[in-house]
């Protein structure tokens, strides 16, 4: 396999360990992420004075020169599949798609094919660079199988690294539409008693908790207040349904991006998503409140009523602000029309 070589000179006042020093001083156009550099070190592909340095914690000094042997990107073992994609934007660095509900993002034991990654491999073809050392699209974030909406994937290691940094710093705008049981209201004494729930100006519900794997069901996430990962969700009522109001369309914003975050947080607040088989509970809407058609549509809705409607970030090359919007899919529009009826 072809190998390219790169020499990196450690600059002044370096971090105390090799992996961090290389991450700082490697040329930006080399597009080597921290994880890729860590693999190169572990594989013995980083040498100092001709001797391999395989410990990422090795001490370094200013002026030392390290030589990196970088193999060409390997071909992925994931199959390209000719699956139709709704491409919202695409250039040499990234691609933004509007993922349909029912499509898994990445191959896994239960979903080895038919995923977004399989579709991207076919769509992008030879335009993909070696993301992480493998010729594949770089999945920077994910949305659940049965959530529809916008997702960005990187085509190059450089774009992947830059986008991942924005997600890690919570600098990405992510806005969702959710249809839920009940109506979050600042005047609801029950909701004000929910731990982690508060209201901000404009009637915005803020949910601040930790999230961790459920203790008995490893496929689920759970709200915790010790351990876990910090999670913040905001939601505002966009439309109410029923008399008295029995359901609502919410606009939700993610400050953090944890697995199932919106679904878990809204269920914790007592406003689970309509159609959510995992967190929605057994709640139903009464025909008296929303009409027979609305109650039937909610009962039959086959997935969590959640859509990633807005995605905004800075382009990894040049830094220009980018913002994309995706209209509600037909099934959610149909649900809303039935609830309005």
Protein backbone atom coordinates (compact mmCIF):
# COMPACT_ATOMS: atom_id res chain seq x y z
CA UNK A 1 0.00 0.00 0.00
CA UNK A 2 1.42 3.46 -0.89
CA UNK A 3 2.95 5.34 2.04
CA UNK A 4 3.51 9.09 2.32
CA UNK A 5 5.97 10.57 4.80
CA UNK A 6 5.58 13.70 6.89
CA UNK A 7 8.12 15.36 9.20
CA UNK A 8 6.80 17.37 12.14
CA UNK A 9 9.01 19.70 14.18
CA UNK A 10 7.80 20.31 17.73
CA UNK A 11 7.33 24.01 18.38
CA UNK A 12 8.10 26.09 21.45
CA UNK A 13 6.45 25.31 24.79
CA UNK A 14 5.02 21.98 23.66
CA UNK A 15 2.41 19.98 25.59
CA UNK A 16 4.14 17.44 27.83
CA UNK A 17 3.18 14.36 25.81
CA UNK A 18 3.72 13.24 22.24
CA UNK A 19 0.12 12.74 21.12
CA UNK A 20 -0.94 16.23 22.21
CA UNK A 21 2.21 17.86 20.82
CA UNK A 22 1.69 16.25 17.41
CA UNK A 23 -1.99 17.22 17.41
CA UNK A 24 -0.90 20.83 17.96
CA UNK A 25 2.01 20.97 15.53
CA UNK A 26 1.07 18.73 12.62
CA UNK A 27 0.31 20.89 9.53
CA UNK A 28 -3.39 21.64 9.17
CA UNK A 29 -3.44 20.56 5.54
CA UNK A 30 -2.32 17.07 6.60
CA UNK A 31 -5.84 16.64 8.03
CA UNK A 32 -4.78 14.19 10.73
CA UNK A 33 -7.26 13.95 13.57
CA UNK A 34 -6.21 13.19 17.13
CA UNK A 35 -7.61 9.68 16.88
CA UNK A 36 -5.72 9.08 13.63
CA UNK A 37 -2.47 10.34 15.19
CA UNK A 38 -3.03 8.07 18.19
CA UNK A 39 -3.36 5.07 15.87
CA UNK A 40 -0.21 6.02 13.97
CA UNK A 41 1.72 6.20 17.25
CA UNK A 42 0.36 2.84 18.46
CA UNK A 43 1.18 1.20 15.11
CA UNK A 44 4.82 2.32 15.25
CA UNK A 45 4.40 4.71 12.33
CA UNK A 46 5.88 7.66 14.29
CA UNK A 47 9.68 7.71 14.68
CA UNK A 48 12.23 9.95 16.38
CA UNK A 49 15.83 9.66 15.11
CA UNK A 50 14.81 6.50 13.30
CA UNK A 51 13.36 4.82 16.41
CA UNK A 52 9.63 4.17 16.68
CA UNK A 53 7.83 5.89 19.54
CA UNK A 54 4.71 3.89 20.41
CA UNK A 55 3.70 5.59 23.66
CA UNK A 56 1.45 8.59 23.16
CA UNK A 57 2.40 9.84 26.61
CA UNK A 58 6.12 9.98 25.75
CA UNK A 59 7.79 13.26 26.69
CA UNK A 60 8.81 15.65 23.93
CA UNK A 61 10.96 18.74 23.68
CA UNK A 62 10.85 21.82 21.47
CA UNK A 63 12.83 21.35 18.27
CA UNK A 64 12.54 17.56 18.14
CA UNK A 65 11.58 16.13 14.75
CA UNK A 66 9.16 13.24 14.37
CA UNK A 67 8.68 11.37 11.11
CA UNK A 68 5.23 9.99 10.30
CA UNK A 69 4.65 7.17 7.81
CA UNK A 70 1.06 7.52 6.58
CA UNK A 71 -0.47 4.75 4.53
CA UNK A 72 -3.02 5.59 1.85
CA UNK A 73 -6.62 5.22 2.92
CA UNK A 74 -7.85 1.64 3.07
CA UNK A 75 -11.02 0.61 1.33
CA UNK A 76 -13.91 0.18 3.73
CA UNK A 77 -15.42 -3.24 4.34
CA UNK A 78 -18.88 -1.63 4.28
CA UNK A 79 -20.72 -2.10 1.02
CA UNK A 80 -21.85 0.76 -1.19
CA UNK A 81 -25.58 0.50 -1.86
CA UNK A 82 -27.55 2.43 -4.45
CA UNK A 83 -30.14 3.92 -2.09
CA UNK A 84 -31.89 7.16 -2.97
CA UNK A 85 -30.86 10.14 -0.85
CA UNK A 86 -32.38 13.58 -0.46
CA UNK A 87 -29.24 15.71 -0.71
CA UNK A 88 -29.72 19.22 0.68
CA UNK A 89 -26.15 20.42 0.10
CA UNK A 90 -22.89 18.91 -1.11
CA UNK A 91 -19.36 20.05 -1.89
CA UNK A 92 -15.86 18.55 -1.76
CA UNK A 93 -15.74 18.68 2.05
CA UNK A 94 -19.16 17.59 3.27
CA UNK A 95 -22.67 16.50 2.45
CA UNK A 96 -25.96 17.40 4.16
CA UNK A 97 -28.89 15.01 3.73
CA UNK A 98 -32.50 14.89 4.87
CA UNK A 99 -32.68 11.39 6.35
CA UNK A 100 -36.03 9.62 6.17
CA UNK A 101 -37.54 7.93 9.19
CA UNK A 102 -36.71 4.23 9.26
CA UNK A 103 -33.11 4.57 8.02
CA UNK A 104 -30.28 3.64 10.39
CA UNK A 105 -27.29 5.98 10.17
CA UNK A 106 -24.41 3.49 10.55
CA UNK A 107 -24.13 -0.30 10.01
CA UNK A 108 -24.43 -2.32 13.22
CA UNK A 109 -24.98 -6.00 14.06
CA UNK A 110 -28.75 -5.60 13.81
CA UNK A 111 -28.57 -3.40 10.69
CA UNK A 112 -25.65 -4.51 8.50
CA UNK A 113 -26.99 -2.83 5.36
CA UNK A 114 -29.48 -0.34 4.04
CA UNK A 115 -27.97 2.42 6.19
CA UNK A 116 -27.13 6.02 5.48
CA UNK A 117 -23.42 5.15 5.37
CA UNK A 118 -24.05 2.47 2.72
CA UNK A 119 -26.00 5.02 0.69
CA UNK A 120 -23.29 7.69 1.08
CA UNK A 121 -20.57 5.29 -0.05
CA UNK A 122 -22.46 4.77 -3.31
CA UNK A 123 -23.42 8.41 -3.74
CA UNK A 124 -20.01 9.93 -3.01
CA UNK A 125 -17.92 7.26 -4.75
CA UNK A 126 -14.38 8.39 -5.53
CA UNK A 127 -14.92 11.82 -3.97
CA UNK A 128 -14.41 10.35 -0.48
CA UNK A 129 -11.02 10.82 1.16
CA UNK A 130 -9.53 8.72 3.92
CA UNK A 131 -11.59 9.73 6.92
CA UNK A 132 -9.75 8.24 9.89
CA UNK A 133 -7.55 6.26 7.52
CA UNK A 134 -10.47 4.52 5.82
CA UNK A 135 -12.24 5.61 2.63
CA UNK A 136 -15.66 6.28 4.12
CA UNK A 137 -17.97 9.17 4.97
CA UNK A 138 -17.26 10.68 8.38
CA UNK A 139 -20.32 10.45 10.58
CA UNK A 140 -20.02 13.42 12.93
CA UNK A 141 -23.41 13.06 14.65
CA UNK A 142 -26.39 10.74 14.45
CA UNK A 143 -30.15 10.85 14.70
CA UNK A 144 -32.24 7.85 15.70
CA UNK A 145 -33.48 5.37 13.11
CA UNK A 146 -37.08 6.52 13.43
CA UNK A 147 -36.29 10.23 13.64
CA UNK A 148 -36.33 12.08 10.33
CA UNK A 149 -34.34 15.12 9.32
CA UNK A 150 -31.03 16.81 8.68
CA UNK A 151 -27.61 15.25 9.15
CA UNK A 152 -24.13 16.32 7.98
CA UNK A 153 -21.33 13.91 7.07
CA UNK A 154 -17.72 14.75 6.28
CA UNK A 155 -15.90 13.66 3.14
CA UNK A 156 -12.39 14.39 4.39
CA UNK A 157 -10.48 13.91 7.63
CA UNK A 158 -9.98 17.67 7.85
CA UNK A 159 -13.69 18.38 7.54
CA UNK A 160 -14.51 15.59 9.99
CA UNK A 161 -12.11 16.97 12.58
CA UNK A 162 -13.40 20.55 12.21
CA UNK A 163 -17.06 19.58 12.36
CA UNK A 164 -16.52 17.24 15.31
CA UNK A 165 -14.87 20.10 17.20
CA UNK A 166 -17.95 22.29 16.64
CA UNK A 167 -20.27 19.57 17.94
CA UNK A 168 -18.02 19.00 20.95
CA UNK A 169 -18.02 22.73 21.74
CA UNK A 170 -21.84 22.88 21.33
CA UNK A 171 -21.42 25.44 18.53
CA UNK A 172 -23.85 23.70 16.16
CA UNK A 173 -27.46 24.87 15.82
CA UNK A 174 -29.87 21.95 16.02
CA UNK A 175 -33.59 22.53 16.08
CA UNK A 176 -36.24 19.79 16.18
CA UNK A 177 -40.01 19.55 15.86
CA UNK A 178 -41.75 17.18 18.27
CA UNK A 179 -45.39 16.25 18.80
CA UNK A 180 -46.03 15.38 22.44
CA UNK A 181 -48.71 14.37 24.89
CA UNK A 182 -49.92 17.30 26.96
CA UNK A 183 -48.78 20.91 26.79
CA UNK A 184 -45.75 22.14 28.77
CA UNK A 185 -46.94 25.22 30.65
CA UNK A 186 -45.07 27.44 33.09
CA UNK A 187 -48.20 27.63 35.19
CA UNK A 188 -48.42 23.85 35.65
CA UNK A 189 -47.51 23.14 39.29
CA UNK A 190 -46.76 19.51 38.46
CA UNK A 191 -44.13 20.48 35.91
CA UNK A 192 -42.55 23.00 38.25
CA UNK A 193 -42.04 20.14 40.67
CA UNK A 194 -40.12 18.02 38.16
CA UNK A 195 -36.44 17.91 39.12
CA UNK A 196 -34.24 19.49 36.47
CA UNK A 197 -37.12 21.42 34.86
CA UNK A 198 -37.31 25.22 34.81
CA UNK A 199 -38.76 27.94 32.61
CA UNK A 200 -36.94 30.76 30.84
CA UNK A 201 -38.26 33.97 29.31
CA UNK A 202 -40.83 33.44 26.59
CA UNK A 203 -42.22 30.26 28.12
CA UNK A 204 -39.19 28.17 27.13
CA UNK A 205 -38.99 24.93 29.08
CA UNK A 206 -35.41 24.08 30.06
CA UNK A 207 -34.50 20.54 31.10
CA UNK A 208 -31.09 20.08 32.72
CA UNK A 209 -30.09 16.62 33.95
CA UNK A 210 -27.50 13.90 33.54
CA UNK A 211 -28.22 11.01 31.16
CA UNK A 212 -26.92 7.46 31.50
CA UNK A 213 -27.78 3.97 30.32
CA UNK A 214 -30.85 2.53 32.01
CA UNK A 215 -29.84 0.16 34.81
CA UNK A 216 -32.02 -2.74 33.63
CA UNK A 217 -32.60 -2.03 29.92
CA UNK A 218 -29.27 -1.34 28.20
CA UNK A 219 -31.03 -0.16 25.03
CA UNK A 220 -32.57 2.78 26.87
CA UNK A 221 -31.26 5.98 28.40
CA UNK A 222 -32.39 7.33 31.76
CA UNK A 223 -32.35 10.62 33.63
CA UNK A 224 -29.93 10.59 36.56
CA UNK A 225 -28.53 13.27 38.82
CA UNK A 226 -25.27 11.61 39.79
CA UNK A 227 -22.86 10.28 37.19
CA UNK A 228 -23.92 10.10 33.56
CA UNK A 229 -23.39 12.86 31.02
CA UNK A 230 -24.59 16.45 31.26
CA UNK A 231 -27.60 17.14 29.02
CA UNK A 232 -29.61 20.31 28.34
CA UNK A 233 -32.75 20.54 26.19
CA UNK A 234 -34.98 23.56 25.59
CA UNK A 235 -38.52 23.44 24.22
CA UNK A 236 -41.22 25.95 23.38
CA UNK A 237 -44.84 25.32 22.43
CA UNK A 238 -45.49 26.12 18.76
CA UNK A 239 -49.08 24.87 18.57
CA UNK A 240 -51.69 23.37 20.89
CA UNK A 241 -54.24 20.72 19.98
CA UNK A 242 -57.56 19.83 21.60
CA UNK A 243 -60.03 21.47 23.91
CA UNK A 244 -58.80 21.49 26.56
CA UNK A 245 -55.31 21.21 25.02
CA UNK A 246 -54.22 17.56 25.08
CA UNK A 247 -51.19 17.59 22.77
CA UNK A 248 -48.69 20.06 21.40
CA UNK A 249 -46.18 20.68 18.64
CA UNK A 250 -42.90 21.76 20.23
CA UNK A 251 -39.81 23.42 18.86
CA UNK A 252 -36.81 21.90 20.66
CA UNK A 253 -33.19 23.01 20.82
CA UNK A 254 -30.24 20.86 21.81
CA UNK A 255 -27.47 22.42 23.85
CA UNK A 256 -25.86 19.00 24.17
CA UNK A 257 -26.34 15.99 21.92
CA UNK A 258 -26.81 12.79 23.92
CA UNK A 259 -28.37 9.54 22.76
CA UNK A 260 -32.21 9.81 22.76
CA UNK A 261 -31.87 13.15 24.58
CA UNK A 262 -35.10 14.87 23.50
CA UNK A 263 -37.13 11.69 23.88
CA UNK A 264 -35.81 10.98 27.39
CA UNK A 265 -36.04 14.58 28.60
CA UNK A 266 -39.60 15.16 27.42
CA UNK A 267 -40.72 11.84 28.90
CA UNK A 268 -39.06 12.86 32.19
CA UNK A 269 -41.08 16.09 32.08
CA UNK A 270 -44.29 14.12 31.58
CA UNK A 271 -44.65 15.06 27.91
CA UNK A 272 -43.53 11.95 26.03
CA UNK A 273 -43.51 11.96 22.24
CA UNK A 274 -46.53 10.62 20.42
CA UNK A 275 -45.65 7.29 18.78
CA UNK A 276 -42.51 6.71 20.88
CA UNK A 277 -42.53 2.96 21.67
CA UNK A 278 -39.65 3.23 24.17
CA UNK A 279 -40.27 6.39 26.19
CA UNK A 280 -43.83 7.39 25.27
CA UNK A 281 -45.57 5.10 27.74
CA UNK A 282 -49.12 3.92 27.16
CA UNK A 283 -50.76 7.33 27.05
CA UNK A 284 -53.48 7.89 24.48
CA UNK A 285 -55.40 10.95 23.32
CA UNK A 286 -59.13 10.96 23.87
CA UNK A 287 -61.52 11.51 20.99
CA UNK A 288 -63.35 13.98 23.21
CA UNK A 289 -60.26 16.20 23.38
CA UNK A 290 -58.87 16.00 19.82
CA UNK A 291 -61.67 14.41 17.81
CA UNK A 292 -61.95 10.84 16.59
CA UNK A 293 -59.59 11.39 13.65
CA UNK A 294 -56.93 13.01 15.84
CA UNK A 295 -57.10 10.28 18.47
CA UNK A 296 -56.90 7.57 15.82
CA UNK A 297 -53.97 9.22 14.03
CA UNK A 298 -52.02 9.56 17.28
CA UNK A 299 -52.72 5.96 18.29
CA UNK A 300 -51.61 4.65 14.89
CA UNK A 301 -48.53 6.85 14.45
CA UNK A 302 -45.76 4.30 13.84
CA UNK A 303 -42.70 6.14 15.17
CA UNK A 304 -41.63 8.86 17.57
CA UNK A 305 -43.01 12.12 16.19
CA UNK A 306 -39.62 13.83 15.99
CA UNK A 307 -37.96 15.66 13.10
CA UNK A 308 -34.53 17.35 12.90
CA UNK A 309 -35.72 20.50 11.15
CA UNK A 310 -32.75 22.91 11.33
CA UNK A 311 -28.99 22.35 11.21
CA UNK A 312 -26.45 25.17 11.33
CA UNK A 313 -22.64 25.13 11.51
CA UNK A 314 -19.52 26.84 10.20
CA UNK A 315 -18.11 25.35 7.03
CA UNK A 316 -14.88 23.50 7.91
CA UNK A 317 -13.05 25.23 5.05
CA UNK A 318 -13.31 29.00 5.28
CA UNK A 319 -15.64 29.16 8.27
CA UNK A 320 -18.69 30.62 6.52
CA UNK A 321 -21.95 30.21 8.43
CA UNK A 322 -24.30 27.61 6.94
CA UNK A 323 -27.91 26.93 7.90
CA UNK A 324 -30.28 24.35 6.46
CA UNK A 325 -33.96 23.69 7.02
CA UNK A 326 -36.07 20.61 6.21
CA UNK A 327 -39.85 20.74 6.13
CA UNK A 328 -41.86 18.25 8.17
CA UNK A 329 -42.24 14.88 6.43
CA UNK A 330 -45.64 13.81 5.16
CA UNK A 331 -46.43 11.50 8.09
CA UNK A 332 -45.94 14.23 10.68
CA UNK A 333 -47.87 16.74 8.57
CA UNK A 334 -50.70 14.23 8.39
CA UNK A 335 -50.64 13.76 12.15
CA UNK A 336 -50.84 17.52 12.72
CA UNK A 337 -53.73 17.90 10.28
CA UNK A 338 -55.66 15.16 12.07
CA UNK A 339 -55.01 16.77 15.46
CA UNK A 340 -56.16 20.15 14.15
CA UNK A 341 -59.33 18.64 12.76
